[in-house]
Amino acid sequence: MASQLPKLTNIIHIRNFIDDVRPDSIRPETPNYAEIHATVNVFQEDDFYDTKIDSDPIQTCVRVYLKQNERDFYVPNTFFYADGRFIVETTPEERPKIIVQSLSLQWYAYTRLRII
């Protein structure tokens, strides 16, 4: 049986906040697979920028494997890091959408301490 996943050869590193976590749309019957959805912004980097180019936020879907005891860490507004292979698809609205197959995933807990 051929894989339903496209062949991914490019690598991307994403640091962003989670918008939503959903069951994996490709493998809905496997409960440990999920999709982290985020809106990624592209920022200016040294010589890799042109003022004539508008860069709007890009919808991103990160496909991940999460054990049941890890799911509680990945909720909306949690900051996460993901590395993985990716492709870019076009949405029905003719916008780009990044699809990432995560090779590594981490979350970052931020606590605001108030010192009196």
N, C-alpha and C. Protein backbone atom coordinates (compact mmCIF):
# COMPACT_ATOMS: atom_id res chain seq x y z
N MET A 1 0.84 -1.18 0.00
CA MET A 1 0.00 0.00 0.00
C MET A 1 0.88 1.25 0.00
N ALA A 2 0.65 2.14 -0.91
CA ALA A 2 1.43 3.37 -1.01
C ALA A 2 1.04 4.34 0.10
N SER A 3 2.01 5.10 0.57
CA SER A 3 1.76 6.08 1.62
C SER A 3 0.90 7.22 1.09
N GLN A 4 0.00 7.72 1.94
CA GLN A 4 -0.82 8.87 1.57
C GLN A 4 -0.07 10.18 1.79
N LEU A 5 1.05 10.10 2.51
CA LEU A 5 1.82 11.31 2.80
C LEU A 5 2.70 11.66 1.60
N PRO A 6 2.76 12.93 1.23
CA PRO A 6 3.64 13.32 0.12
C PRO A 6 5.09 13.18 0.52
N LYS A 7 5.97 13.05 -0.46
CA LYS A 7 7.40 12.98 -0.17
C LYS A 7 7.89 14.39 0.17
N LEU A 8 8.47 14.52 1.34
CA LEU A 8 8.93 15.82 1.83
C LEU A 8 10.45 15.82 1.87
N THR A 9 11.08 16.81 1.26
CA THR A 9 12.54 16.83 1.22
C THR A 9 13.15 18.09 1.82
N ASN A 10 12.39 19.16 1.94
CA ASN A 10 12.91 20.41 2.51
C ASN A 10 12.76 20.39 4.02
N ILE A 11 13.63 21.11 4.72
CA ILE A 11 13.59 21.16 6.19
C ILE A 11 13.25 22.58 6.63
N ILE A 12 12.41 22.69 7.67
CA ILE A 12 12.02 23.99 8.20
C ILE A 12 12.09 23.94 9.73
N HIS A 13 12.37 25.08 10.33
CA HIS A 13 12.36 25.22 11.80
C HIS A 13 11.32 26.29 12.12
N ILE A 14 10.34 25.92 12.94
CA ILE A 14 9.26 26.84 13.29
C ILE A 14 9.28 27.11 14.78
N ARG A 15 9.13 28.37 15.13
CA ARG A 15 8.96 28.80 16.53
C ARG A 15 7.73 29.68 16.53
N ASN A 16 6.69 29.24 17.21
CA ASN A 16 5.46 30.01 17.16
C ASN A 16 4.53 29.59 18.28
N PHE A 17 3.36 30.24 18.32
CA PHE A 17 2.32 29.90 19.28
C PHE A 17 1.29 29.01 18.60
N ILE A 18 0.75 28.08 19.34
CA ILE A 18 -0.26 27.16 18.83
C ILE A 18 -1.59 27.88 18.72
N ASP A 19 -2.24 27.75 17.56
CA ASP A 19 -3.60 28.26 17.38
C ASP A 19 -4.62 27.18 17.76
N ASP A 20 -4.33 25.93 17.35
CA ASP A 20 -5.29 24.84 17.55
C ASP A 20 -4.57 23.51 17.43
N VAL A 21 -5.08 22.48 18.11
CA VAL A 21 -4.58 21.11 17.98
C VAL A 21 -5.77 20.24 17.60
N ARG A 22 -5.60 19.46 16.52
CA ARG A 22 -6.68 18.61 16.01
C ARG A 22 -6.16 17.21 15.74
N PRO A 23 -7.07 16.24 15.59
CA PRO A 23 -6.64 14.91 15.15
C PRO A 23 -6.02 15.02 13.76
N ASP A 24 -5.07 14.15 13.46
CA ASP A 24 -4.42 14.16 12.14
C ASP A 24 -5.44 13.82 11.07
N SER A 25 -5.62 14.70 10.10
CA SER A 25 -6.63 14.49 9.05
C SER A 25 -6.25 13.37 8.09
N ILE A 26 -4.96 13.02 8.01
CA ILE A 26 -4.51 11.93 7.14
C ILE A 26 -4.70 10.58 7.82
N ARG A 27 -4.52 10.55 9.17
CA ARG A 27 -4.62 9.29 9.93
C ARG A 27 -5.59 9.44 11.09
N PRO A 28 -6.88 9.65 10.82
CA PRO A 28 -7.83 9.88 11.91
C PRO A 28 -8.03 8.68 12.83
N GLU A 29 -7.69 7.48 12.36
CA GLU A 29 -7.90 6.28 13.17
C GLU A 29 -6.76 6.02 14.15
N THR A 30 -5.71 6.82 14.12
CA THR A 30 -4.58 6.64 15.03
C THR A 30 -4.55 7.79 16.03
N PRO A 31 -4.96 7.54 17.27
CA PRO A 31 -5.16 8.62 18.24
C PRO A 31 -3.90 9.38 18.66
N ASN A 32 -2.72 8.80 18.49
CA ASN A 32 -1.51 9.50 18.91
C ASN A 32 -0.98 10.49 17.88
N TYR A 33 -1.56 10.49 16.70
CA TYR A 33 -1.14 11.46 15.68
C TYR A 33 -2.05 12.67 15.75
N ALA A 34 -1.46 13.85 15.64
CA ALA A 34 -2.24 15.09 15.75
C ALA A 34 -1.67 16.13 14.78
N GLU A 35 -2.42 17.20 14.62
CA GLU A 35 -1.98 18.34 13.82
C GLU A 35 -1.98 19.58 14.71
N ILE A 36 -0.84 20.25 14.75
CA ILE A 36 -0.75 21.53 15.44
C ILE A 36 -0.90 22.61 14.36
N HIS A 37 -1.88 23.48 14.53
CA HIS A 37 -2.11 24.55 13.56
C HIS A 37 -1.62 25.86 14.15
N ALA A 38 -0.91 26.61 13.33
CA ALA A 38 -0.37 27.90 13.75
C ALA A 38 -0.34 28.84 12.54
N THR A 39 -0.32 30.12 12.81
CA THR A 39 -0.17 31.12 11.77
C THR A 39 1.25 31.67 11.89
N VAL A 40 2.08 31.37 10.92
CA VAL A 40 3.50 31.69 10.98
C VAL A 40 3.78 33.01 10.26
N ASN A 41 4.59 33.84 10.88
CA ASN A 41 5.02 35.10 10.27
C ASN A 41 6.44 34.95 9.77
N VAL A 42 6.73 35.55 8.63
CA VAL A 42 8.07 35.54 8.07
C VAL A 42 8.69 36.90 8.36
N PHE A 43 9.83 36.89 9.03
CA PHE A 43 10.46 38.14 9.44
C PHE A 43 11.68 38.44 8.57
N GLN A 44 12.03 39.71 8.53
CA GLN A 44 13.20 40.17 7.79
C GLN A 44 14.46 39.52 8.36
N GLU A 45 15.35 39.08 7.46
CA GLU A 45 16.63 38.52 7.87
C GLU A 45 17.73 39.10 7.00
N ASP A 46 18.59 39.89 7.55
CA ASP A 46 19.77 40.45 6.89
C ASP A 46 19.56 40.66 5.38
N ASP A 47 20.29 39.91 4.57
CA ASP A 47 20.23 40.09 3.11
C ASP A 47 19.07 39.34 2.46
N PHE A 48 18.29 38.64 3.24
CA PHE A 48 17.19 37.83 2.70
C PHE A 48 15.87 38.57 2.90
N TYR A 49 15.76 39.75 2.27
CA TYR A 49 14.55 40.55 2.43
C TYR A 49 14.49 41.58 1.31
N ASP A 50 13.29 41.86 0.85
CA ASP A 50 13.09 42.86 -0.19
C ASP A 50 11.84 43.66 0.18
N THR A 51 11.95 44.98 0.24
CA THR A 51 10.81 45.82 0.65
C THR A 51 9.66 45.76 -0.35
N LYS A 52 9.90 45.27 -1.56
CA LYS A 52 8.84 45.15 -2.56
C LYS A 52 7.97 43.92 -2.35
N ILE A 53 8.36 43.07 -1.42
CA ILE A 53 7.62 41.83 -1.18
C ILE A 53 6.82 41.97 0.11
N ASP A 54 5.52 41.77 0.02
CA ASP A 54 4.67 41.73 1.22
C ASP A 54 4.63 40.29 1.71
N SER A 55 4.89 40.10 2.98
CA SER A 55 4.81 38.73 3.52
C SER A 55 3.71 38.69 4.57
N ASP A 56 2.61 38.07 4.21
CA ASP A 56 1.49 37.90 5.12
C ASP A 56 1.71 36.64 5.96
N PRO A 57 1.04 36.54 7.11
CA PRO A 57 1.12 35.31 7.89
C PRO A 57 0.70 34.11 7.05
N ILE A 58 1.33 32.97 7.30
CA ILE A 58 1.08 31.75 6.52
C ILE A 58 0.47 30.69 7.42
N GLN A 59 -0.64 30.12 6.99
CA GLN A 59 -1.24 29.00 7.71
C GLN A 59 -0.24 27.84 7.71
N THR A 60 -0.12 27.19 8.86
CA THR A 60 0.82 26.08 8.98
C THR A 60 0.18 24.93 9.73
N CYS A 61 0.41 23.73 9.23
CA CYS A 61 -0.08 22.50 9.86
C CYS A 61 1.14 21.64 10.15
N VAL A 62 1.40 21.37 11.43
CA VAL A 62 2.53 20.54 11.83
C VAL A 62 1.98 19.19 12.27
N ARG A 63 2.30 18.14 11.52
CA ARG A 63 1.83 16.79 11.87
C ARG A 63 2.83 16.20 12.86
N VAL A 64 2.29 15.74 14.00
CA VAL A 64 3.14 15.28 15.10
C VAL A 64 2.62 13.97 15.68
N TYR A 65 3.51 13.29 16.38
CA TYR A 65 3.14 12.11 17.16
C TYR A 65 3.20 12.53 18.62
N LEU A 66 2.07 12.45 19.31
CA LEU A 66 2.02 12.82 20.73
C LEU A 66 1.48 11.66 21.54
N LYS A 67 2.23 11.27 22.57
CA LYS A 67 1.69 10.29 23.51
C LYS A 67 0.55 10.94 24.27
N GLN A 68 -0.35 10.14 24.78
CA GLN A 68 -1.52 10.68 25.48
C GLN A 68 -1.11 11.59 26.64
N ASN A 69 -0.04 11.23 27.36
CA ASN A 69 0.38 12.05 28.50
C ASN A 69 1.08 13.35 28.07
N GLU A 70 1.38 13.53 26.78
CA GLU A 70 2.00 14.76 26.28
C GLU A 70 0.97 15.75 25.75
N ARG A 71 -0.23 15.29 25.46
CA ARG A 71 -1.24 16.13 24.81
C ARG A 71 -1.60 17.38 25.61
N ASP A 72 -1.60 17.28 26.93
CA ASP A 72 -1.99 18.42 27.76
C ASP A 72 -1.02 19.60 27.65
N PHE A 73 0.21 19.34 27.18
CA PHE A 73 1.19 20.41 27.03
C PHE A 73 0.96 21.24 25.77
N TYR A 74 0.30 20.67 24.79
CA TYR A 74 0.13 21.32 23.49
C TYR A 74 -1.30 21.83 23.35
N VAL A 75 -1.52 23.02 23.85
CA VAL A 75 -2.84 23.65 23.83
C VAL A 75 -2.69 25.04 23.20
N PRO A 76 -3.79 25.67 22.78
CA PRO A 76 -3.69 27.00 22.18
C PRO A 76 -2.91 27.98 23.06
N ASN A 77 -2.13 28.81 22.39
CA ASN A 77 -1.28 29.85 22.97
C ASN A 77 -0.01 29.33 23.63
N THR A 78 0.27 28.04 23.52
CA THR A 78 1.54 27.50 24.00
C THR A 78 2.60 27.76 22.94
N PHE A 79 3.77 28.20 23.36
CA PHE A 79 4.87 28.43 22.43
C PHE A 79 5.54 27.10 22.14
N PHE A 80 5.79 26.82 20.86
CA PHE A 80 6.40 25.54 20.51
C PHE A 80 7.51 25.72 19.48
N TYR A 81 8.39 24.73 19.43
CA TYR A 81 9.44 24.64 18.43
C TYR A 81 9.21 23.35 17.66
N ALA A 82 9.33 23.39 16.35
CA ALA A 82 9.20 22.18 15.54
C ALA A 82 10.21 22.23 14.40
N ASP A 83 10.88 21.11 14.18
CA ASP A 83 11.75 20.93 13.03
C ASP A 83 11.17 19.80 12.21
N GLY A 84 11.23 19.93 10.90
CA GLY A 84 10.75 18.83 10.10
C GLY A 84 10.78 19.10 8.62
N ARG A 85 10.41 18.06 7.89
CA ARG A 85 10.31 18.16 6.44
C ARG A 85 8.99 18.84 6.10
N PHE A 86 8.97 19.59 5.01
CA PHE A 86 7.74 20.32 4.70
C PHE A 86 7.50 20.44 3.20
N ILE A 87 6.25 20.74 2.89
CA ILE A 87 5.84 21.12 1.55
C ILE A 87 4.93 22.33 1.69
N VAL A 88 4.70 23.03 0.60
CA VAL A 88 3.76 24.15 0.59
C VAL A 88 2.62 23.80 -0.36
N GLU A 89 1.40 23.89 0.15
CA GLU A 89 0.21 23.65 -0.66
C GLU A 89 -0.53 24.97 -0.82
N THR A 90 -1.49 24.98 -1.73
CA THR A 90 -2.33 26.15 -1.92
C THR A 90 -3.71 25.87 -1.35
N THR A 91 -4.23 26.79 -0.55
CA THR A 91 -5.57 26.63 0.03
C THR A 91 -6.62 26.96 -1.03
N PRO A 92 -7.89 26.63 -0.77
CA PRO A 92 -8.95 27.00 -1.71
C PRO A 92 -9.03 28.52 -1.94
N GLU A 93 -8.54 29.30 -0.97
CA GLU A 93 -8.53 30.77 -1.11
C GLU A 93 -7.29 31.26 -1.87
N GLU A 94 -6.53 30.32 -2.45
CA GLU A 94 -5.32 30.65 -3.21
C GLU A 94 -4.21 31.24 -2.34
N ARG A 95 -4.13 30.81 -1.09
CA ARG A 95 -3.09 31.25 -0.15
C ARG A 95 -2.15 30.07 0.10
N PRO A 96 -0.90 30.34 0.43
CA PRO A 96 0.01 29.23 0.74
C PRO A 96 -0.31 28.62 2.10
N LYS A 97 -0.05 27.34 2.23
CA LYS A 97 -0.19 26.64 3.50
C LYS A 97 1.00 25.69 3.63
N ILE A 98 1.73 25.81 4.74
CA ILE A 98 2.89 24.96 4.99
C ILE A 98 2.43 23.70 5.72
N ILE A 99 2.82 22.54 5.21
CA ILE A 99 2.53 21.26 5.86
C ILE A 99 3.87 20.68 6.30
N VAL A 100 4.02 20.44 7.60
CA VAL A 100 5.28 19.96 8.17
C VAL A 100 5.08 18.57 8.76
N GLN A 101 6.01 17.66 8.46
CA GLN A 101 6.06 16.37 9.15
C GLN A 101 7.15 16.52 10.19
N SER A 102 6.75 16.65 11.44
CA SER A 102 7.68 16.99 12.52
C SER A 102 8.68 15.87 12.79
N LEU A 103 9.96 16.25 12.87
CA LEU A 103 11.01 15.33 13.27
C LEU A 103 11.36 15.55 14.74
N SER A 104 11.17 16.78 15.21
CA SER A 104 11.36 17.07 16.63
C SER A 104 10.34 18.14 17.03
N LEU A 105 9.92 18.06 18.28
CA LEU A 105 8.89 18.97 18.77
C LEU A 105 9.15 19.25 20.24
N GLN A 106 9.06 20.52 20.62
CA GLN A 106 9.22 20.93 22.02
C GLN A 106 8.23 22.04 22.31
N TRP A 107 7.83 22.14 23.54
CA TRP A 107 6.99 23.26 23.96
C TRP A 107 7.75 24.06 24.99
N TYR A 108 7.36 25.30 25.15
CA TYR A 108 8.02 26.19 26.09
C TYR A 108 6.98 26.76 27.02
N ALA A 109 7.17 26.53 28.30
CA ALA A 109 6.24 27.06 29.30
C ALA A 109 6.75 28.42 29.77
N TYR A 110 5.90 29.40 29.68
CA TYR A 110 6.23 30.74 30.13
C TYR A 110 5.36 31.06 31.32
N THR A 111 5.99 31.42 32.42
CA THR A 111 5.23 31.81 33.60
C THR A 111 5.58 33.24 33.95
N ARG A 112 4.58 34.00 34.18
CA ARG A 112 4.80 35.39 34.56
C ARG A 112 4.82 35.44 36.09
N LEU A 113 5.95 35.80 36.65
CA LEU A 113 6.08 35.91 38.10
C LEU A 113 5.93 37.37 38.50
N ARG A 114 5.22 37.56 39.54
CA ARG A 114 5.05 38.93 40.05
C ARG A 114 5.75 39.01 41.40
N ILE A 115 6.72 39.87 41.49
CA ILE A 115 7.48 40.03 42.73
C ILE A 115 6.97 41.28 43.44
N ILE A 116 6.61 41.10 44.69
CA ILE A 116 6.07 42.22 45.46
C ILE A 116 7.11 42.69 46.45
